[in-house]
Every structure is written in C-alpha cells, then in structure tokens.
Amino acid sequence: MGEIIVNMITHSVNKNHQQKSSFSFSFFFVVSDIMDDLTKALTDYYDPHTDLVRKQHLHEQLNRFLIDRNSWQIALTTLQDQTNVLSPFVTYFLLQVLEHSIRHRYGEQKQIRQILLWLFLHLFDSIPMYVRSKLSFLIVQLARCDNQWSIDEYFQTCYHVRSV
C-alpha cells in the first residue's frame, strides 16, 4: 500500500506537470486517493493490534512518503482543503512532511507559510496539544529559514506563537 503511495506521487506529479491544463483537476483525485491510503497506513501503524513486522513495513513506507520531494504538495493541498476533516495523526504526519520540506528547503516556502499561519489562526484551539506544538514549531522554523520573510513579520509571528 505504501509503495503505491510513493509511486502514485512521483508518477502523478510528473505526469501532471507535463499536462498543465488538467493539473488541478486530476491532481485533486490523486491526492484524495493518496490520502485514503495514507490514512489507512497511519491507522494501521498506530493500531495496537498490528504486528511488529507490519509496523516496520508501514514505517518504511511512511518514511518514503515523508522524504519524497513531491509529497509537500500533497500535504499542502490536503491541509488547504477545508472540507476535509483529518484525524490528528494524519494532520501531525502532514506537518512532518512540511517540516522536512522546510528543513531541506524545497517546495514553495511562501505557500507553506500561508497555510501554516492559516492553520494557526483558525484551527489552533480545535486541535490536540501535540499538533499545536508541531504547528508552532514549524512556524518558528519557517520564519528562521525563509529569507523572504521580513524581520518585522518574523518577530510578530514569534511573539504570537510564544503567547499561545
């Protein structure tokens, strides 16, 4: 299942970049299929009845998704979709994907910054504490890494994150 996730990401993103006119339409369907597989993989991984061999396999597949250079797009698209209610495990994992993208400086940093700030402002009270901590950490990490963020915006963001 996880192998399918990584292969679908690479294949669909490359294929869709070649066909710009249908990119957003077909990308949406690919993202929803991948998110179904990802949700199932995370559910199985955190299920206490899953055996260790299966957990190891899921861990490898989830890690492949995490480090894939195109997975930030899927994480961003999924987090931007306001109609999609995500489990805290999935939200946390998607934030880890964005963290990897920020740390390795690929992906559209401005888009990532906008969605992280939107999540912070609109969903902060409704998400569990460990997801809040990850979100706050990412905002500060992005502020430190993003050269396009002005110094005033950086300190304002740090102040708001710290006051939470």
C-alpha atoms as a PDB file:
ATOM      1  CA  MET A   1       0.000   0.000   0.000  1.00  0.00           C
ATOM      2  CA  GLY A   2       2.725   2.497   0.967  1.00  0.00           C
ATOM      3  CA  GLU A   3       4.741   1.619  -2.135  1.00  0.00           C
ATOM      4  CA  ILE A   4       1.695   2.563  -4.152  1.00  0.00           C
ATOM      5  CA  ILE A   5       1.580   5.926  -2.355  1.00  0.00           C
ATOM      6  CA  VAL A   6       5.135   6.889  -3.289  1.00  0.00           C
ATOM      7  CA  ASN A   7       4.800   5.595  -6.860  1.00  0.00           C
ATOM      8  CA  MET A   8       1.496   7.434  -7.318  1.00  0.00           C
ATOM      9  CA  ILE A   9       3.029  10.682  -6.071  1.00  0.00           C
ATOM     10  CA  THR A  10       6.001  10.553  -8.376  1.00  0.00           C
ATOM     11  CA  HIS A  11       4.060   9.333 -11.390  1.00  0.00           C
ATOM     12  CA  SER A  12       1.072  11.648 -10.998  1.00  0.00           C
ATOM     13  CA  VAL A  13       3.078  14.790 -10.257  1.00  0.00           C
ATOM     14  CA  ASN A  14       5.450  14.185 -13.191  1.00  0.00           C
ATOM     15  CA  LYS A  15       2.558  13.298 -15.495  1.00  0.00           C
ATOM     16  CA  ASN A  16       0.523  16.286 -14.375  1.00  0.00           C
ATOM     17  CA  HIS A  17       3.399  18.724 -14.834  1.00  0.00           C
ATOM     18  CA  GLN A  18       3.517  17.620 -18.472  1.00  0.00           C
ATOM     19  CA  GLN A  19      -0.225  18.223 -18.889  1.00  0.00           C
ATOM     20  CA  LYS A  20      -0.690  21.667 -17.310  1.00  0.00           C
ATOM     21  CA  SER A  21      -4.328  22.138 -18.410  1.00  0.00           C
ATOM     22  CA  SER A  22      -5.681  19.245 -16.326  1.00  0.00           C
ATOM     23  CA  PHE A  23      -3.208  19.573 -13.450  1.00  0.00           C
ATOM     24  CA  SER A  24      -5.530  20.807 -10.694  1.00  0.00           C
ATOM     25  CA  PHE A  25      -8.463  18.571 -11.632  1.00  0.00           C
ATOM     26  CA  SER A  26      -6.566  15.299 -11.862  1.00  0.00           C
ATOM     27  CA  PHE A  27      -4.220  16.238  -9.014  1.00  0.00           C
ATOM     28  CA  PHE A  28      -7.261  16.525  -6.692  1.00  0.00           C
ATOM     29  CA  PHE A  29      -8.305  12.936  -7.421  1.00  0.00           C
ATOM     30  CA  VAL A  30      -4.774  11.654  -6.987  1.00  0.00           C
ATOM     31  CA  VAL A  31      -4.466  13.488  -3.666  1.00  0.00           C
ATOM     32  CA  SER A  32      -7.729  12.067  -2.358  1.00  0.00           C
ATOM     33  CA  ASP A  33      -6.647   8.523  -3.315  1.00  0.00           C
ATOM     34  CA  ILE A  34      -3.248   9.008  -1.705  1.00  0.00           C
ATOM     35  CA  MET A  35      -4.807  10.470   1.433  1.00  0.00           C
ATOM     36  CA  ASP A  36      -7.105   7.451   1.738  1.00  0.00           C
ATOM     37  CA  ASP A  37      -4.069   5.156   1.557  1.00  0.00           C
ATOM     38  CA  LEU A  38      -2.092   7.374   3.924  1.00  0.00           C
ATOM     39  CA  THR A  39      -4.928   7.473   6.465  1.00  0.00           C
ATOM     40  CA  LYS A  40      -5.236   3.694   6.327  1.00  0.00           C
ATOM     41  CA  ALA A  41      -1.465   3.267   6.742  1.00  0.00           C
ATOM     42  CA  LEU A  42      -1.347   5.608   9.748  1.00  0.00           C
ATOM     43  CA  THR A  43      -4.396   3.943  11.312  1.00  0.00           C
ATOM     44  CA  ASP A  44      -2.768   0.530  10.920  1.00  0.00           C
ATOM     45  CA  TYR A  45       0.551   1.831  12.222  1.00  0.00           C
ATOM     46  CA  TYR A  46      -0.973   3.201  15.438  1.00  0.00           C
ATOM     47  CA  ASP A  47      -3.318   0.247  15.932  1.00  0.00           C
ATOM     48  CA  PRO A  48      -2.080  -1.719  18.981  1.00  0.00           C
ATOM     49  CA  HIS A  49      -3.115  -4.989  17.302  1.00  0.00           C
ATOM     50  CA  THR A  50      -0.804  -4.530  14.314  1.00  0.00           C
ATOM     51  CA  ASP A  51       2.158  -6.902  14.459  1.00  0.00           C
ATOM     52  CA  LEU A  52       5.729  -5.610  14.506  1.00  0.00           C
ATOM     53  CA  VAL A  53       6.609  -6.813  11.009  1.00  0.00           C
ATOM     54  CA  ARG A  54       3.640  -4.933   9.566  1.00  0.00           C
ATOM     55  CA  LYS A  55       4.532  -1.820  11.611  1.00  0.00           C
ATOM     56  CA  GLN A  56       8.099  -1.945  10.316  1.00  0.00           C
ATOM     57  CA  HIS A  57       6.838  -2.182   6.734  1.00  0.00           C
ATOM     58  CA  LEU A  58       4.404   0.715   7.299  1.00  0.00           C
ATOM     59  CA  HIS A  59       7.165   2.764   8.930  1.00  0.00           C
ATOM     60  CA  GLU A  60       9.377   2.317   5.868  1.00  0.00           C
ATOM     61  CA  GLN A  61       6.562   3.263   3.502  1.00  0.00           C
ATOM     62  CA  LEU A  62       5.543   6.306   5.549  1.00  0.00           C
ATOM     63  CA  ASN A  63       9.167   7.409   5.715  1.00  0.00           C
ATOM     64  CA  ARG A  64       9.452   7.105   1.924  1.00  0.00           C
ATOM     65  CA  PHE A  65       6.402   9.332   1.583  1.00  0.00           C
ATOM     66  CA  LEU A  66       7.830  11.781   4.113  1.00  0.00           C
ATOM     67  CA  ILE A  67      11.124  12.256   2.285  1.00  0.00           C
ATOM     68  CA  ASP A  68       9.702  12.289  -1.247  1.00  0.00           C
ATOM     69  CA  ARG A  69      10.398  15.672  -2.858  1.00  0.00           C
ATOM     70  CA  ASN A  70       6.822  15.918  -4.171  1.00  0.00           C
ATOM     71  CA  SER A  71       4.932  14.959  -1.021  1.00  0.00           C
ATOM     72  CA  TRP A  72       4.928  18.539   0.304  1.00  0.00           C
ATOM     73  CA  GLN A  73       2.425  19.353  -2.465  1.00  0.00           C
ATOM     74  CA  ILE A  74       0.064  16.655  -1.269  1.00  0.00           C
ATOM     75  CA  ALA A  75       0.433  17.769   2.350  1.00  0.00           C
ATOM     76  CA  LEU A  76      -0.231  21.381   1.403  1.00  0.00           C
ATOM     77  CA  THR A  77      -3.228  20.532  -0.784  1.00  0.00           C
ATOM     78  CA  THR A  78      -4.737  18.353   1.916  1.00  0.00           C
ATOM     79  CA  LEU A  79      -4.246  20.903   4.682  1.00  0.00           C
ATOM     80  CA  GLN A  80      -5.733  23.642   2.476  1.00  0.00           C
ATOM     81  CA  ASP A  81      -8.881  21.596   1.833  1.00  0.00           C
ATOM     82  CA  GLN A  82     -11.262  22.977   4.448  1.00  0.00           C
ATOM     83  CA  THR A  83     -13.963  20.388   3.694  1.00  0.00           C
ATOM     84  CA  ASN A  84     -11.681  17.522   4.690  1.00  0.00           C
ATOM     85  CA  VAL A  85     -11.720  16.656   8.395  1.00  0.00           C
ATOM     86  CA  LEU A  86      -8.430  14.970   9.230  1.00  0.00           C
ATOM     87  CA  SER A  87      -7.534  12.854  12.195  1.00  0.00           C
ATOM     88  CA  PRO A  88      -4.864  14.326  14.477  1.00  0.00           C
ATOM     89  CA  PHE A  89      -2.442  11.562  13.412  1.00  0.00           C
ATOM     90  CA  VAL A  90      -2.819  12.484   9.752  1.00  0.00           C
ATOM     91  CA  THR A  91      -2.539  16.215  10.456  1.00  0.00           C
ATOM     92  CA  TYR A  92       0.611  15.655  12.509  1.00  0.00           C
ATOM     93  CA  PHE A  93       2.133  13.482   9.796  1.00  0.00           C
ATOM     94  CA  LEU A  94       1.374  16.089   7.127  1.00  0.00           C
ATOM     95  CA  LEU A  95       3.033  18.709   9.302  1.00  0.00           C
ATOM     96  CA  GLN A  96       6.076  16.415   9.497  1.00  0.00           C
ATOM     97  CA  VAL A  97       6.115  16.303   5.691  1.00  0.00           C
ATOM     98  CA  LEU A  98       6.085  20.107   5.588  1.00  0.00           C
ATOM     99  CA  GLU A  99       8.812  20.191   8.241  1.00  0.00           C
ATOM    100  CA  HIS A 100      11.010  18.012   6.037  1.00  0.00           C
ATOM    101  CA  SER A 101      10.337  20.333   3.113  1.00  0.00           C
ATOM    102  CA  ILE A 102      11.228  23.401   5.193  1.00  0.00           C
ATOM    103  CA  ARG A 103      14.383  21.823   6.595  1.00  0.00           C
ATOM    104  CA  HIS A 104      15.651  20.770   3.167  1.00  0.00           C
ATOM    105  CA  ARG A 105      14.498  23.989   1.510  1.00  0.00           C
ATOM    106  CA  TYR A 106      12.416  22.631  -1.309  1.00  0.00           C
ATOM    107  CA  GLY A 107       8.819  23.348  -2.043  1.00  0.00           C
ATOM    108  CA  GLU A 108       7.064  26.683  -2.219  1.00  0.00           C
ATOM    109  CA  GLN A 109       8.017  28.269   1.112  1.00  0.00           C
ATOM    110  CA  LYS A 110       5.546  31.150   0.740  1.00  0.00           C
ATOM    111  CA  GLN A 111       2.609  28.771   0.230  1.00  0.00           C
ATOM    112  CA  ILE A 112       3.726  26.657   3.163  1.00  0.00           C
ATOM    113  CA  ARG A 113       4.000  29.773   5.347  1.00  0.00           C
ATOM    114  CA  GLN A 114       0.494  30.906   4.355  1.00  0.00           C
ATOM    115  CA  ILE A 115      -1.162  27.580   5.154  1.00  0.00           C
ATOM    116  CA  LEU A 116       0.703  27.224   8.460  1.00  0.00           C
ATOM    117  CA  LEU A 117      -0.399  30.690   9.545  1.00  0.00           C
ATOM    118  CA  TRP A 118      -3.955  29.968   8.421  1.00  0.00           C
ATOM    119  CA  LEU A 119      -3.992  26.732  10.433  1.00  0.00           C
ATOM    120  CA  PHE A 120      -2.571  28.581  13.416  1.00  0.00           C
ATOM    121  CA  LEU A 121      -5.182  31.323  13.294  1.00  0.00           C
ATOM    122  CA  HIS A 122      -8.255  29.225  12.505  1.00  0.00           C
ATOM    123  CA  LEU A 123      -7.746  25.749  13.905  1.00  0.00           C
ATOM    124  CA  PHE A 124      -5.368  26.216  16.816  1.00  0.00           C
ATOM    125  CA  ASP A 125      -7.991  25.792  19.564  1.00  0.00           C
ATOM    126  CA  SER A 126      -9.607  22.760  17.958  1.00  0.00           C
ATOM    127  CA  ILE A 127      -6.513  20.592  17.502  1.00  0.00           C
ATOM    128  CA  PRO A 128      -4.758  18.473  20.149  1.00  0.00           C
ATOM    129  CA  MET A 129      -1.820  19.882  22.061  1.00  0.00           C
ATOM    130  CA  TYR A 130       0.848  17.796  20.303  1.00  0.00           C
ATOM    131  CA  VAL A 131      -0.372  19.053  16.900  1.00  0.00           C
ATOM    132  CA  ARG A 132      -0.390  22.635  18.229  1.00  0.00           C
ATOM    133  CA  SER A 133       3.190  22.239  19.381  1.00  0.00           C
ATOM    134  CA  LYS A 134       4.282  20.916  15.983  1.00  0.00           C
ATOM    135  CA  LEU A 135       2.437  23.749  14.211  1.00  0.00           C
ATOM    136  CA  SER A 136       4.035  26.395  16.444  1.00  0.00           C
ATOM    137  CA  PHE A 137       7.458  24.823  15.991  1.00  0.00           C
ATOM    138  CA  LEU A 138       7.058  24.847  12.197  1.00  0.00           C
ATOM    139  CA  ILE A 139       6.037  28.484  12.091  1.00  0.00           C
ATOM    140  CA  VAL A 140       9.130  29.477  14.042  1.00  0.00           C
ATOM    141  CA  GLN A 141      11.351  27.152  11.992  1.00  0.00           C
ATOM    142  CA  LEU A 142       9.965  28.558   8.750  1.00  0.00           C
ATOM    143  CA  ALA A 143      10.488  32.092   9.997  1.00  0.00           C
ATOM    144  CA  ARG A 144      14.121  31.274  10.702  1.00  0.00           C
ATOM    145  CA  CYS A 145      14.698  29.597   7.321  1.00  0.00           C
ATOM    146  CA  ASP A 146      12.655  31.787   4.965  1.00  0.00           C
ATOM    147  CA  ASN A 147      14.766  34.684   3.670  1.00  0.00           C
ATOM    148  CA  GLN A 148      11.728  36.365   2.110  1.00  0.00           C
ATOM    149  CA  TRP A 149      10.024  36.869   5.457  1.00  0.00           C
ATOM    150  CA  SER A 150      10.734  40.379   6.735  1.00  0.00           C
ATOM    151  CA  ILE A 151      12.241  40.855  10.180  1.00  0.00           C
ATOM    152  CA  ASP A 152       9.071  42.596  11.435  1.00  0.00           C
ATOM    153  CA  GLU A 153       6.854  39.708  10.338  1.00  0.00           C
ATOM    154  CA  TYR A 154       9.291  37.265  11.912  1.00  0.00           C
ATOM    155  CA  PHE A 155       9.170  38.910  15.345  1.00  0.00           C
ATOM    156  CA  GLN A 156       5.404  39.388  15.219  1.00  0.00           C
ATOM    157  CA  THR A 157       4.943  35.721  14.382  1.00  0.00           C
ATOM    158  CA  CYS A 158       7.345  34.598  17.119  1.00  0.00           C
ATOM    159  CA  TYR A 159       5.523  36.833  19.600  1.00  0.00           C
ATOM    160  CA  HIS A 160       2.122  35.348  18.699  1.00  0.00           C
ATOM    161  CA  VAL A 161       3.420  31.779  18.786  1.00  0.00           C
ATOM    162  CA  ARG A 162       5.133  32.364  22.119  1.00  0.00           C
ATOM    163  CA  SER A 163       1.980  33.907  23.673  1.00  0.00           C
ATOM    164  CA  VAL A 164      -0.028  30.765  22.985  1.00  0.00           C
END
